[in-house]
Amino acid sequence: MKKIFIVGIVASGKTTLAKRLSRTMNLPWYELDSIVHPATPEGRAKRTPAEQLEVIMDIDRDGTWIFEGTDRESYQCLYEMADIILFVDTPLWKRRIRIVVRFLKQNLGIESCNYKPDLKMLKMMYKWTQDFERNRSRFEAKLQKYQDKLIRLHDSTHKEVLF
């Protein structure tokens, strides 16, 4: 049984890593943003924390998974449930560049997204990145509890992951 939780901030490479591991390990992959904000016929809605947890627990019944997303209060249970926690800790300078590149690609139609890639969203991504860095010590303290199953990844190619 493998349960992998990939966590990191915007543009750290979480989704790329999750897709790669999903293919390599033949494990189902779930993007937590899609669990929090599922697509509906009317657009994207936001589930309550209880609804998010219900979806996560339903997925967990299958026994194997890869969840990837940012650190949110509503799914703290994943730290306990995971066999392995991968913290994608890409350098700040690289994340800043990726945010701009992603914004441009989305607006040129080269890359798809589940949100409107406007200037407001671009600003929000930078704000989330800044907030993460400002509160990094709190996040690092949380990770201390899970050192026995934590792998910290710094390289964007994720060559450190050996499964």
C-alpha atoms as a PDB file:
ATOM      1  CA  MET A   1       0.000   0.000   0.000  1.00  0.00           C
ATOM      2  CA  LYS A   2       1.277   3.473  -0.884  1.00  0.00           C
ATOM      3  CA  LYS A   3      -0.214   6.752   0.227  1.00  0.00           C
ATOM      4  CA  ILE A   4       1.782   9.778  -0.885  1.00  0.00           C
ATOM      5  CA  PHE A   5       1.047  13.366   0.089  1.00  0.00           C
ATOM      6  CA  ILE A   6       2.880  15.955  -2.026  1.00  0.00           C
ATOM      7  CA  VAL A   7       2.820  19.398  -0.452  1.00  0.00           C
ATOM      8  CA  GLY A   8       4.330  22.707  -1.497  1.00  0.00           C
ATOM      9  CA  ILE A   9       3.488  26.257  -2.425  1.00  0.00           C
ATOM     10  CA  VAL A  10       2.327  27.651  -5.781  1.00  0.00           C
ATOM     11  CA  ALA A  11       4.659  26.843  -8.707  1.00  0.00           C
ATOM     12  CA  SER A  12       6.875  24.507  -6.704  1.00  0.00           C
ATOM     13  CA  GLY A  13       6.363  21.565  -9.088  1.00  0.00           C
ATOM     14  CA  LYS A  14       3.810  19.544  -7.107  1.00  0.00           C
ATOM     15  CA  THR A  15       1.553  18.711 -10.039  1.00  0.00           C
ATOM     16  CA  THR A  16       4.420  17.779 -12.350  1.00  0.00           C
ATOM     17  CA  LEU A  17       5.823  15.441  -9.696  1.00  0.00           C
ATOM     18  CA  ALA A  18       2.393  13.957  -8.913  1.00  0.00           C
ATOM     19  CA  LYS A  19       1.720  13.174 -12.584  1.00  0.00           C
ATOM     20  CA  ARG A  20       5.160  11.599 -12.974  1.00  0.00           C
ATOM     21  CA  LEU A  21       4.809   9.438  -9.851  1.00  0.00           C
ATOM     22  CA  SER A  22       1.268   8.469 -10.771  1.00  0.00           C
ATOM     23  CA  ARG A  23       2.446   7.119 -14.138  1.00  0.00           C
ATOM     24  CA  THR A  24       5.590   5.484 -12.754  1.00  0.00           C
ATOM     25  CA  MET A  25       3.975   3.864  -9.727  1.00  0.00           C
ATOM     26  CA  ASN A  26       0.556   3.257 -11.282  1.00  0.00           C
ATOM     27  CA  LEU A  27      -1.171   5.089  -8.413  1.00  0.00           C
ATOM     28  CA  PRO A  28      -4.246   7.311  -8.722  1.00  0.00           C
ATOM     29  CA  TRP A  29      -3.474  11.016  -8.347  1.00  0.00           C
ATOM     30  CA  TYR A  30      -5.781  13.663  -6.892  1.00  0.00           C
ATOM     31  CA  GLU A  31      -5.304  17.402  -7.082  1.00  0.00           C
ATOM     32  CA  LEU A  32      -6.496  18.894  -3.794  1.00  0.00           C
ATOM     33  CA  ASP A  33      -7.551  22.168  -5.455  1.00  0.00           C
ATOM     34  CA  SER A  34     -10.108  20.122  -7.417  1.00  0.00           C
ATOM     35  CA  ILE A  35     -11.392  18.577  -4.197  1.00  0.00           C
ATOM     36  CA  VAL A  36     -11.702  22.000  -2.554  1.00  0.00           C
ATOM     37  CA  HIS A  37     -13.117  23.674  -5.701  1.00  0.00           C
ATOM     38  CA  PRO A  38     -14.837  20.991  -7.816  1.00  0.00           C
ATOM     39  CA  ALA A  39     -16.132  21.790 -11.282  1.00  0.00           C
ATOM     40  CA  THR A  40     -19.907  22.055 -11.498  1.00  0.00           C
ATOM     41  CA  PRO A  41     -22.184  22.906 -14.448  1.00  0.00           C
ATOM     42  CA  GLU A  42     -22.420  26.440 -13.018  1.00  0.00           C
ATOM     43  CA  GLY A  43     -18.638  26.801 -12.617  1.00  0.00           C
ATOM     44  CA  ARG A  44     -16.315  25.973  -9.759  1.00  0.00           C
ATOM     45  CA  ALA A  45     -17.867  25.724  -6.317  1.00  0.00           C
ATOM     46  CA  LYS A  46     -16.174  25.523  -2.933  1.00  0.00           C
ATOM     47  CA  ARG A  47     -16.778  22.532  -0.710  1.00  0.00           C
ATOM     48  CA  THR A  48     -16.966  22.991   3.031  1.00  0.00           C
ATOM     49  CA  PRO A  49     -14.094  21.519   5.070  1.00  0.00           C
ATOM     50  CA  ALA A  50     -16.427  18.673   6.118  1.00  0.00           C
ATOM     51  CA  GLU A  51     -17.296  17.933   2.473  1.00  0.00           C
ATOM     52  CA  GLN A  52     -13.594  18.002   1.539  1.00  0.00           C
ATOM     53  CA  LEU A  53     -12.811  15.526   4.300  1.00  0.00           C
ATOM     54  CA  GLU A  54     -15.647  13.262   3.144  1.00  0.00           C
ATOM     55  CA  VAL A  55     -14.220  13.155  -0.396  1.00  0.00           C
ATOM     56  CA  ILE A  56     -10.721  12.433   0.955  1.00  0.00           C
ATOM     57  CA  MET A  57     -12.004   9.618   3.182  1.00  0.00           C
ATOM     58  CA  ASP A  58     -13.906   8.082   0.248  1.00  0.00           C
ATOM     59  CA  ILE A  59     -10.716   8.080  -1.821  1.00  0.00           C
ATOM     60  CA  ASP A  60      -8.727   6.653   1.095  1.00  0.00           C
ATOM     61  CA  ARG A  61     -10.958   3.580   1.206  1.00  0.00           C
ATOM     62  CA  ASP A  62      -9.211   2.364  -1.963  1.00  0.00           C
ATOM     63  CA  GLY A  63      -5.944   2.170  -0.017  1.00  0.00           C
ATOM     64  CA  THR A  64      -3.511   3.808  -2.454  1.00  0.00           C
ATOM     65  CA  TRP A  65      -3.299   7.369  -3.654  1.00  0.00           C
ATOM     66  CA  ILE A  66      -1.264  10.451  -4.387  1.00  0.00           C
ATOM     67  CA  PHE A  67      -2.690  13.739  -3.136  1.00  0.00           C
ATOM     68  CA  GLU A  68      -0.980  16.986  -4.069  1.00  0.00           C
ATOM     69  CA  GLY A  69      -1.654  20.514  -2.972  1.00  0.00           C
ATOM     70  CA  THR A  70      -0.763  23.421  -0.780  1.00  0.00           C
ATOM     71  CA  ASP A  71      -0.996  23.225   3.002  1.00  0.00           C
ATOM     72  CA  ARG A  72      -4.617  23.891   4.000  1.00  0.00           C
ATOM     73  CA  GLU A  73      -6.264  23.569   7.377  1.00  0.00           C
ATOM     74  CA  SER A  74      -9.124  21.535   5.890  1.00  0.00           C
ATOM     75  CA  TYR A  75      -6.997  18.506   5.017  1.00  0.00           C
ATOM     76  CA  GLN A  76      -4.426  18.250   7.788  1.00  0.00           C
ATOM     77  CA  CYS A  77      -5.428  14.597   8.154  1.00  0.00           C
ATOM     78  CA  LEU A  78      -3.326  13.789   5.074  1.00  0.00           C
ATOM     79  CA  TYR A  79      -0.116  14.260   7.073  1.00  0.00           C
ATOM     80  CA  GLU A  80      -1.190  11.410   9.356  1.00  0.00           C
ATOM     81  CA  MET A  81      -2.724   9.235   6.633  1.00  0.00           C
ATOM     82  CA  ALA A  82       0.239   9.384   4.236  1.00  0.00           C
ATOM     83  CA  ASP A  83       2.964   6.747   4.203  1.00  0.00           C
ATOM     84  CA  ILE A  84       5.273   9.313   2.583  1.00  0.00           C
ATOM     85  CA  ILE A  85       5.154  13.113   2.632  1.00  0.00           C
ATOM     86  CA  LEU A  86       7.017  14.858  -0.167  1.00  0.00           C
ATOM     87  CA  PHE A  87       7.634  18.540   0.516  1.00  0.00           C
ATOM     88  CA  VAL A  88       8.517  20.208  -2.777  1.00  0.00           C
ATOM     89  CA  ASP A  89      10.693  23.059  -1.535  1.00  0.00           C
ATOM     90  CA  THR A  90      11.703  24.748  -4.785  1.00  0.00           C
ATOM     91  CA  PRO A  91      13.759  27.940  -4.361  1.00  0.00           C
ATOM     92  CA  LEU A  92      11.758  31.159  -4.159  1.00  0.00           C
ATOM     93  CA  TRP A  93      13.426  32.720  -7.234  1.00  0.00           C
ATOM     94  CA  LYS A  94      12.441  29.731  -9.362  1.00  0.00           C
ATOM     95  CA  ARG A  95       8.818  29.777  -8.132  1.00  0.00           C
ATOM     96  CA  ARG A  96       8.536  33.484  -8.959  1.00  0.00           C
ATOM     97  CA  ILE A  97       9.696  32.853 -12.523  1.00  0.00           C
ATOM     98  CA  ARG A  98       7.343  29.885 -12.894  1.00  0.00           C
ATOM     99  CA  ILE A  99       4.360  31.980 -11.781  1.00  0.00           C
ATOM    100  CA  VAL A 100       4.988  34.506 -14.578  1.00  0.00           C
ATOM    101  CA  VAL A 101       5.681  31.806 -17.176  1.00  0.00           C
ATOM    102  CA  ARG A 102       2.502  29.950 -16.165  1.00  0.00           C
ATOM    103  CA  PHE A 103       0.472  33.170 -16.377  1.00  0.00           C
ATOM    104  CA  LEU A 104       1.783  33.875 -19.885  1.00  0.00           C
ATOM    105  CA  LYS A 105       1.234  30.306 -21.108  1.00  0.00           C
ATOM    106  CA  GLN A 106      -2.322  30.268 -19.762  1.00  0.00           C
ATOM    107  CA  ASN A 107      -3.173  33.579 -21.396  1.00  0.00           C
ATOM    108  CA  LEU A 108      -1.692  32.415 -24.703  1.00  0.00           C
ATOM    109  CA  GLY A 109      -3.733  29.194 -24.527  1.00  0.00           C
ATOM    110  CA  ILE A 110      -0.631  26.994 -24.303  1.00  0.00           C
ATOM    111  CA  GLU A 111      -1.486  25.733 -20.811  1.00  0.00           C
ATOM    112  CA  SER A 112      -4.939  25.091 -19.366  1.00  0.00           C
ATOM    113  CA  CYS A 113      -6.106  25.977 -15.869  1.00  0.00           C
ATOM    114  CA  ASN A 114      -9.195  25.714 -13.684  1.00  0.00           C
ATOM    115  CA  TYR A 115      -9.352  29.430 -12.866  1.00  0.00           C
ATOM    116  CA  LYS A 116      -9.354  32.728 -14.724  1.00  0.00           C
ATOM    117  CA  PRO A 117      -5.680  33.615 -15.378  1.00  0.00           C
ATOM    118  CA  ASP A 118      -6.080  37.352 -14.918  1.00  0.00           C
ATOM    119  CA  LEU A 119      -3.941  39.957 -13.147  1.00  0.00           C
ATOM    120  CA  LYS A 120      -5.897  39.449  -9.924  1.00  0.00           C
ATOM    121  CA  MET A 121      -4.941  35.753  -9.890  1.00  0.00           C
ATOM    122  CA  LEU A 122      -1.336  36.582 -10.749  1.00  0.00           C
ATOM    123  CA  LYS A 123      -1.195  38.932  -7.754  1.00  0.00           C
ATOM    124  CA  MET A 124      -2.802  36.283  -5.540  1.00  0.00           C
ATOM    125  CA  MET A 125      -0.162  33.716  -6.503  1.00  0.00           C
ATOM    126  CA  TYR A 126       2.579  36.133  -5.501  1.00  0.00           C
ATOM    127  CA  LYS A 127       0.714  36.943  -2.273  1.00  0.00           C
ATOM    128  CA  TRP A 128       0.361  33.232  -1.407  1.00  0.00           C
ATOM    129  CA  THR A 129       4.066  32.758  -2.082  1.00  0.00           C
ATOM    130  CA  GLN A 130       4.956  35.725   0.112  1.00  0.00           C
ATOM    131  CA  ASP A 131       2.609  34.520   2.878  1.00  0.00           C
ATOM    132  CA  PHE A 132       4.175  31.064   2.749  1.00  0.00           C
ATOM    133  CA  GLU A 133       7.671  32.481   3.126  1.00  0.00           C
ATOM    134  CA  ARG A 134       6.548  34.771   5.954  1.00  0.00           C
ATOM    135  CA  ASN A 135       5.016  31.802   7.794  1.00  0.00           C
ATOM    136  CA  ARG A 136       7.589  29.202   6.762  1.00  0.00           C
ATOM    137  CA  SER A 137       8.801  28.628  10.337  1.00  0.00           C
ATOM    138  CA  ARG A 138       5.296  27.570  11.398  1.00  0.00           C
ATOM    139  CA  PHE A 139       5.076  25.134   8.469  1.00  0.00           C
ATOM    140  CA  GLU A 140       8.568  23.770   9.178  1.00  0.00           C
ATOM    141  CA  ALA A 141       7.576  23.210  12.818  1.00  0.00           C
ATOM    142  CA  LYS A 142       4.570  21.177  11.662  1.00  0.00           C
ATOM    143  CA  LEU A 143       6.783  19.036   9.443  1.00  0.00           C
ATOM    144  CA  GLN A 144       9.030  18.166  12.397  1.00  0.00           C
ATOM    145  CA  LYS A 145       6.313  15.832  13.670  1.00  0.00           C
ATOM    146  CA  TYR A 146       6.538  13.776  10.457  1.00  0.00           C
ATOM    147  CA  GLN A 147      10.328  13.521   9.989  1.00  0.00           C
ATOM    148  CA  ASP A 148      10.141   9.717   9.818  1.00  0.00           C
ATOM    149  CA  LYS A 149       8.140   9.856   6.573  1.00  0.00           C
ATOM    150  CA  LEU A 150       9.158  13.240   5.155  1.00  0.00           C
ATOM    151  CA  ILE A 151      11.256  13.699   2.030  1.00  0.00           C
ATOM    152  CA  ARG A 152      12.223  17.259   1.139  1.00  0.00           C
ATOM    153  CA  LEU A 153      12.790  17.901  -2.555  1.00  0.00           C
ATOM    154  CA  HIS A 154      14.822  20.896  -3.734  1.00  0.00           C
ATOM    155  CA  ASP A 155      15.601  19.991  -7.330  1.00  0.00           C
ATOM    156  CA  SER A 156      12.924  20.610  -9.939  1.00  0.00           C
ATOM    157  CA  THR A 157      13.674  17.284 -11.624  1.00  0.00           C
ATOM    158  CA  HIS A 158      12.899  15.474  -8.343  1.00  0.00           C
ATOM    159  CA  LYS A 159      15.705  12.990  -8.901  1.00  0.00           C
ATOM    160  CA  GLU A 160      15.944  12.586  -5.121  1.00  0.00           C
ATOM    161  CA  VAL A 161      12.745  10.507  -5.113  1.00  0.00           C
ATOM    162  CA  LEU A 162      13.708   6.861  -5.211  1.00  0.00           C
ATOM    163  CA  PHE A 163      10.839   4.409  -5.130  1.00  0.00           C
END
